[in-house]
């Protein structure tokens, strides 16, 4: 979960389940993820990462992704 601090920067706060998974990762996997998360915290709004289009699942048109 991203939260905006009082000074205008974003901080990352892990949900308990996600923190357990993060702690279970080895250093080789954490390094690139840590770098990507740091980059996203510095620049959280990336135009190419926006959701668009039909976000329904299946033919019934009910649900979301």
PDB file of N, CA and C in Angstrom:
ATOM      1  N   UNK A   1       0.843  -1.158   0.000  1.00  0.00           N
ATOM      2  CA  UNK A   1       0.000   0.000   0.000  1.00  0.00           C
ATOM      3  C   UNK A   1       0.896   1.231   0.000  1.00  0.00           C
ATOM      4  N   UNK A   2       0.631   2.161  -0.884  1.00  0.00           N
ATOM      5  CA  UNK A   2       1.378   3.406  -0.929  1.00  0.00           C
ATOM      6  C   UNK A   2       0.668   4.444  -0.076  1.00  0.00           C
ATOM      7  N   UNK A   3       1.414   5.118   0.750  1.00  0.00           N
ATOM      8  CA  UNK A   3       0.853   6.200   1.541  1.00  0.00           C
ATOM      9  C   UNK A   3       1.691   7.441   1.314  1.00  0.00           C
ATOM     10  N   UNK A   4       1.048   8.585   1.270  1.00  0.00           N
ATOM     11  CA  UNK A   4       1.769   9.833   1.057  1.00  0.00           C
ATOM     12  C   UNK A   4       2.094  10.430   2.414  1.00  0.00           C
ATOM     13  N   UNK A   5       3.360  10.709   2.641  1.00  0.00           N
ATOM     14  CA  UNK A   5       3.768  11.280   3.916  1.00  0.00           C
ATOM     15  C   UNK A   5       3.533  12.784   3.916  1.00  0.00           C
ATOM     16  N   UNK A   6       3.757  13.394   5.046  1.00  0.00           N
ATOM     17  CA  UNK A   6       3.488  14.827   5.201  1.00  0.00           C
ATOM     18  C   UNK A   6       4.390  15.701   4.346  1.00  0.00           C
ATOM     19  N   UNK A   7       5.566  15.214   3.984  1.00  0.00           N
ATOM     20  CA  UNK A   7       6.488  16.019   3.194  1.00  0.00           C
ATOM     21  C   UNK A   7       6.305  15.837   1.697  1.00  0.00           C
ATOM     22  N   UNK A   8       5.284  15.088   1.273  1.00  0.00           N
ATOM     23  CA  UNK A   8       4.969  14.956  -0.128  1.00  0.00           C
ATOM     24  C   UNK A   8       5.603  13.760  -0.811  1.00  0.00           C
ATOM     25  N   UNK A   9       6.383  12.971  -0.080  1.00  0.00           N
ATOM     26  CA  UNK A   9       6.972  11.769  -0.654  1.00  0.00           C
ATOM     27  C   UNK A   9       6.094  10.579  -0.305  1.00  0.00           C
ATOM     28  N   UNK A  10       6.224   9.529  -1.077  1.00  0.00           N
ATOM     29  CA  UNK A  10       5.441   8.319  -0.823  1.00  0.00           C
ATOM     30  C   UNK A  10       6.262   7.324  -0.023  1.00  0.00           C
ATOM     31  N   UNK A  11       5.573   6.545   0.802  1.00  0.00           N
ATOM     32  CA  UNK A  11       6.186   5.476   1.581  1.00  0.00           C
ATOM     33  C   UNK A  11       5.451   4.188   1.264  1.00  0.00           C
ATOM     34  N   UNK A  12       6.149   3.087   1.394  1.00  0.00           N
ATOM     35  CA  UNK A  12       5.562   1.783   1.147  1.00  0.00           C
ATOM     36  C   UNK A  12       5.296   1.108   2.481  1.00  0.00           C
ATOM     37  N   UNK A  13       4.070   0.629   2.662  1.00  0.00           N
ATOM     38  CA  UNK A  13       3.704  -0.085   3.875  1.00  0.00           C
ATOM     39  C   UNK A  13       3.181  -1.452   3.443  1.00  0.00           C
ATOM     40  N   UNK A  14       3.862  -2.513   3.885  1.00  0.00           N
ATOM     41  CA  UNK A  14       3.477  -3.862   3.504  1.00  0.00           C
ATOM     42  C   UNK A  14       2.284  -4.340   4.317  1.00  0.00           C
ATOM     43  N   UNK A  15       1.389  -5.051   3.668  1.00  0.00           N
ATOM     44  CA  UNK A  15       0.349  -5.786   4.377  1.00  0.00           C
ATOM     45  C   UNK A  15       1.049  -6.975   5.031  1.00  0.00           C
ATOM     46  N   UNK A  16       0.536  -7.495   6.161  1.00  0.00           N
ATOM     47  CA  UNK A  16       1.224  -8.593   6.863  1.00  0.00           C
ATOM     48  C   UNK A  16       1.539  -9.796   5.984  1.00  0.00           C
ATOM     49  N   UNK A  17       0.611 -10.206   5.124  1.00  0.00           N
ATOM     50  CA  UNK A  17       0.842 -11.354   4.252  1.00  0.00           C
ATOM     51  C   UNK A  17       1.959 -11.066   3.250  1.00  0.00           C
ATOM     52  N   UNK A  18       1.960  -9.857   2.723  1.00  0.00           N
ATOM     53  CA  UNK A  18       2.981  -9.481   1.745  1.00  0.00           C
ATOM     54  C   UNK A  18       4.349  -9.378   2.410  1.00  0.00           C
ATOM     55  N   UNK A  19       4.385  -8.904   3.651  1.00  0.00           N
ATOM     56  CA  UNK A  19       5.648  -8.790   4.366  1.00  0.00           C
ATOM     57  C   UNK A  19       6.246 -10.170   4.623  1.00  0.00           C
ATOM     58  N   UNK A  20       5.412 -11.143   4.934  1.00  0.00           N
ATOM     59  CA  UNK A  20       5.897 -12.517   5.115  1.00  0.00           C
ATOM     60  C   UNK A  20       6.521 -13.036   3.826  1.00  0.00           C
ATOM     61  N   UNK A  21       5.863 -12.782   2.705  1.00  0.00           N
ATOM     62  CA  UNK A  21       6.405 -13.224   1.421  1.00  0.00           C
ATOM     63  C   UNK A  21       7.708 -12.496   1.099  1.00  0.00           C
ATOM     64  N   UNK A  22       7.758 -11.199   1.387  1.00  0.00           N
ATOM     65  CA  UNK A  22       8.965 -10.403   1.145  1.00  0.00           C
ATOM     66  C   UNK A  22      10.131 -10.950   1.962  1.00  0.00           C
ATOM     67  N   UNK A  23       9.874 -11.247   3.224  1.00  0.00           N
ATOM     68  CA  UNK A  23      10.923 -11.761   4.096  1.00  0.00           C
ATOM     69  C   UNK A  23      11.391 -13.149   3.679  1.00  0.00           C
ATOM     70  N   UNK A  24      10.544 -13.903   2.997  1.00  0.00           N
ATOM     71  CA  UNK A  24      10.902 -15.243   2.558  1.00  0.00           C
ATOM     72  C   UNK A  24      11.767 -15.230   1.295  1.00  0.00           C
ATOM     73  N   UNK A  25      11.813 -14.109   0.587  1.00  0.00           N
ATOM     74  CA  UNK A  25      12.616 -14.016  -0.628  1.00  0.00           C
ATOM     75  C   UNK A  25      14.102 -13.998  -0.300  1.00  0.00           C
ATOM     76  N   UNK A  26      14.917 -14.567  -1.200  1.00  0.00           N
ATOM     77  CA  UNK A  26      16.359 -14.487  -1.000  1.00  0.00           C
ATOM     78  C   UNK A  26      16.867 -13.151  -1.548  1.00  0.00           C
ATOM     79  N   UNK A  27      18.100 -12.829  -1.235  1.00  0.00           N
ATOM     80  CA  UNK A  27      18.679 -11.549  -1.631  1.00  0.00           C
ATOM     81  C   UNK A  27      18.722 -11.335  -3.128  1.00  0.00           C
ATOM     82  N   UNK A  28      18.876 -12.420  -3.891  1.00  0.00           N
ATOM     83  CA  UNK A  28      18.934 -12.299  -5.340  1.00  0.00           C
ATOM     84  C   UNK A  28      17.627 -11.826  -5.946  1.00  0.00           C
ATOM     85  N   UNK A  29      16.519 -12.169  -5.309  1.00  0.00           N
ATOM     86  CA  UNK A  29      15.207 -11.737  -5.800  1.00  0.00           C
ATOM     87  C   UNK A  29      14.831 -10.374  -5.225  1.00  0.00           C
ATOM     88  N   UNK A  30      15.257 -10.114  -3.997  1.00  0.00           N
ATOM     89  CA  UNK A  30      14.896  -8.845  -3.358  1.00  0.00           C
ATOM     90  C   UNK A  30      15.563  -7.643  -4.013  1.00  0.00           C
ATOM     91  N   UNK A  31      16.796  -7.808  -4.471  1.00  0.00           N
ATOM     92  CA  UNK A  31      17.543  -6.681  -5.042  1.00  0.00           C
ATOM     93  C   UNK A  31      16.810  -5.980  -6.180  1.00  0.00           C
ATOM     94  N   UNK A  32      16.468  -6.706  -7.251  1.00  0.00           N
ATOM     95  CA  UNK A  32      15.763  -6.055  -8.365  1.00  0.00           C
ATOM     96  C   UNK A  32      14.389  -5.523  -7.964  1.00  0.00           C
ATOM     97  N   UNK A  33      13.684  -6.248  -7.085  1.00  0.00           N
ATOM     98  CA  UNK A  33      12.369  -5.774  -6.645  1.00  0.00           C
ATOM     99  C   UNK A  33      12.500  -4.504  -5.813  1.00  0.00           C
ATOM    100  N   UNK A  34      13.491  -4.471  -4.935  1.00  0.00           N
ATOM    101  CA  UNK A  34      13.723  -3.282  -4.108  1.00  0.00           C
ATOM    102  C   UNK A  34      14.017  -2.073  -4.991  1.00  0.00           C
ATOM    103  N   UNK A  35      14.819  -2.287  -6.038  1.00  0.00           N
ATOM    104  CA  UNK A  35      15.166  -1.207  -6.969  1.00  0.00           C
ATOM    105  C   UNK A  35      13.915  -0.702  -7.696  1.00  0.00           C
ATOM    106  N   UNK A  36      13.069  -1.646  -8.150  1.00  0.00           N
ATOM    107  CA  UNK A  36      11.848  -1.264  -8.863  1.00  0.00           C
ATOM    108  C   UNK A  36      10.875  -0.533  -7.940  1.00  0.00           C
ATOM    109  N   UNK A  37      10.755  -0.997  -6.700  1.00  0.00           N
ATOM    110  CA  UNK A  37       9.860  -0.337  -5.751  1.00  0.00           C
ATOM    111  C   UNK A  37      10.354   1.067  -5.413  1.00  0.00           C
ATOM    112  N   UNK A  38      11.653   1.209  -5.241  1.00  0.00           N
ATOM    113  CA  UNK A  38      12.222   2.523  -4.938  1.00  0.00           C
ATOM    114  C   UNK A  38      11.955   3.506  -6.083  1.00  0.00           C
ATOM    115  N   UNK A  39      12.140   3.010  -7.311  1.00  0.00           N
ATOM    116  CA  UNK A  39      11.897   3.848  -8.488  1.00  0.00           C
ATOM    117  C   UNK A  39      10.431   4.268  -8.558  1.00  0.00           C
ATOM    118  N   UNK A  40       9.514   3.324  -8.262  1.00  0.00           N
ATOM    119  CA  UNK A  40       8.079   3.633  -8.315  1.00  0.00           C
ATOM    120  C   UNK A  40       7.674   4.602  -7.203  1.00  0.00           C
ATOM    121  N   UNK A  41       8.327   4.513  -6.039  1.00  0.00           N
ATOM    122  CA  UNK A  41       8.025   5.454  -4.959  1.00  0.00           C
ATOM    123  C   UNK A  41       8.465   6.869  -5.316  1.00  0.00           C
ATOM    124  N   UNK A  42       9.570   6.973  -6.051  1.00  0.00           N
ATOM    125  CA  UNK A  42      10.058   8.284  -6.479  1.00  0.00           C
ATOM    126  C   UNK A  42       9.181   8.865  -7.585  1.00  0.00           C
ATOM    127  N   UNK A  43       8.657   8.011  -8.452  1.00  0.00           N
ATOM    128  CA  UNK A  43       7.812   8.443  -9.573  1.00  0.00           C
ATOM    129  C   UNK A  43       6.608   7.507  -9.647  1.00  0.00           C
ATOM    130  N   UNK A  44       5.583   7.711  -8.782  1.00  0.00           N
ATOM    131  CA  UNK A  44       4.470   6.765  -8.697  1.00  0.00           C
ATOM    132  C   UNK A  44       3.489   6.798  -9.865  1.00  0.00           C
ATOM    133  N   UNK A  45       3.406   7.886 -10.581  1.00  0.00           N
ATOM    134  CA  UNK A  45       2.426   8.014 -11.659  1.00  0.00           C
ATOM    135  C   UNK A  45       3.112   7.797 -13.005  1.00  0.00           C
ATOM    136  N   UNK A  46       3.002   6.583 -13.539  1.00  0.00           N
ATOM    137  CA  UNK A  46       3.620   6.224 -14.808  1.00  0.00           C
ATOM    138  C   UNK A  46       2.509   6.020 -15.832  1.00  0.00           C
ATOM    139  N   UNK A  47       2.545   6.803 -16.882  1.00  0.00           N
ATOM    140  CA  UNK A  47       1.465   6.768 -17.882  1.00  0.00           C
ATOM    141  C   UNK A  47       1.272   5.376 -18.473  1.00  0.00           C
ATOM    142  N   UNK A  48       2.342   4.643 -18.738  1.00  0.00           N
ATOM    143  CA  UNK A  48       2.250   3.335 -19.344  1.00  0.00           C
ATOM    144  C   UNK A  48       1.657   2.266 -18.437  1.00  0.00           C
ATOM    145  N   UNK A  49       1.544   2.566 -17.146  1.00  0.00           N
ATOM    146  CA  UNK A  49       1.025   1.586 -16.187  1.00  0.00           C
ATOM    147  C   UNK A  49      -0.459   1.801 -15.883  1.00  0.00           C
ATOM    148  N   UNK A  50      -1.095   2.742 -16.553  1.00  0.00           N
ATOM    149  CA  UNK A  50      -2.516   3.016 -16.304  1.00  0.00           C
ATOM    150  C   UNK A  50      -3.378   1.868 -16.784  1.00  0.00           C
ATOM    151  N   UNK A  51      -4.463   1.619 -16.064  1.00  0.00           N
ATOM    152  CA  UNK A  51      -5.437   0.617 -16.478  1.00  0.00           C
ATOM    153  C   UNK A  51      -6.364   1.232 -17.514  1.00  0.00           C
ATOM    154  N   UNK A  52      -6.759   0.445 -18.486  1.00  0.00           N
ATOM    155  CA  UNK A  52      -7.682   0.936 -19.501  1.00  0.00           C
ATOM    156  C   UNK A  52      -8.419  -0.235 -20.110  1.00  0.00           C
ATOM    157  N   UNK A  53      -9.457   0.057 -20.833  1.00  0.00           N
ATOM    158  CA  UNK A  53     -10.220  -0.982 -21.515  1.00  0.00           C
ATOM    159  C   UNK A  53     -11.233  -1.662 -20.620  1.00  0.00           C
ATOM    160  N   UNK A  54     -11.778  -2.764 -21.124  1.00  0.00           N
ATOM    161  CA  UNK A  54     -12.793  -3.536 -20.426  1.00  0.00           C
ATOM    162  C   UNK A  54     -12.134  -4.382 -19.339  1.00  0.00           C
ATOM    163  N   UNK A  55     -12.475  -4.122 -18.092  1.00  0.00           N
ATOM    164  CA  UNK A  55     -11.858  -4.839 -16.983  1.00  0.00           C
ATOM    165  C   UNK A  55     -12.753  -5.929 -16.420  1.00  0.00           C
ATOM    166  N   UNK A  56     -13.724  -6.387 -17.207  1.00  0.00           N
ATOM    167  CA  UNK A  56     -14.594  -7.469 -16.750  1.00  0.00           C
ATOM    168  C   UNK A  56     -13.995  -8.812 -17.125  1.00  0.00           C
ATOM    169  N   UNK A  57     -14.377  -9.839 -16.384  1.00  0.00           N
ATOM    170  CA  UNK A  57     -13.883 -11.192 -16.616  1.00  0.00           C
ATOM    171  C   UNK A  57     -15.025 -12.054 -17.127  1.00  0.00           C
ATOM    172  N   UNK A  58     -14.760 -12.855 -18.125  1.00  0.00           N
ATOM    173  CA  UNK A  58     -15.750 -13.791 -18.626  1.00  0.00           C
ATOM    174  C   UNK A  58     -16.762 -13.130 -19.549  1.00  0.00           C
ATOM    175  N   UNK A  59     -17.664 -13.949 -20.069  1.00  0.00           N
ATOM    176  CA  UNK A  59     -18.641 -13.462 -21.034  1.00  0.00           C
ATOM    177  C   UNK A  59     -19.854 -12.841 -20.369  1.00  0.00           C
ATOM    178  N   UNK A  60     -20.072 -13.090 -19.056  1.00  0.00           N
ATOM    179  CA  UNK A  60     -21.258 -12.562 -18.396  1.00  0.00           C
ATOM    180  C   UNK A  60     -21.130 -11.066 -18.108  1.00  0.00           C
ATOM    181  N   UNK A  61     -19.908 -10.534 -18.175  1.00  0.00           N
ATOM    182  CA  UNK A  61     -19.714  -9.118 -17.909  1.00  0.00           C
ATOM    183  C   UNK A  61     -19.725  -8.782 -16.426  1.00  0.00           C
ATOM    184  N   UNK A  62     -19.676  -9.793 -15.578  1.00  0.00           N
ATOM    185  CA  UNK A  62     -19.676  -9.560 -14.144  1.00  0.00           C
ATOM    186  C   UNK A  62     -18.291  -9.884 -13.603  1.00  0.00           C
ATOM    187  N   UNK A  63     -17.790  -9.042 -12.710  1.00  0.00           N
ATOM    188  CA  UNK A  63     -16.501  -9.293 -12.098  1.00  0.00           C
ATOM    189  C   UNK A  63     -15.510  -8.208 -12.454  1.00  0.00           C
ATOM    190  N   UNK A  64     -14.336  -8.333 -11.925  1.00  0.00           N
ATOM    191  CA  UNK A  64     -13.301  -7.364 -12.209  1.00  0.00           C
ATOM    192  C   UNK A  64     -11.935  -8.049 -12.154  1.00  0.00           C
ATOM    193  N   UNK A  65     -10.945  -7.397 -12.725  1.00  0.00           N
ATOM    194  CA  UNK A  65      -9.582  -7.909 -12.683  1.00  0.00           C
ATOM    195  C   UNK A  65      -8.766  -7.048 -11.780  1.00  0.00           C
TER     196      UNK A  65
END
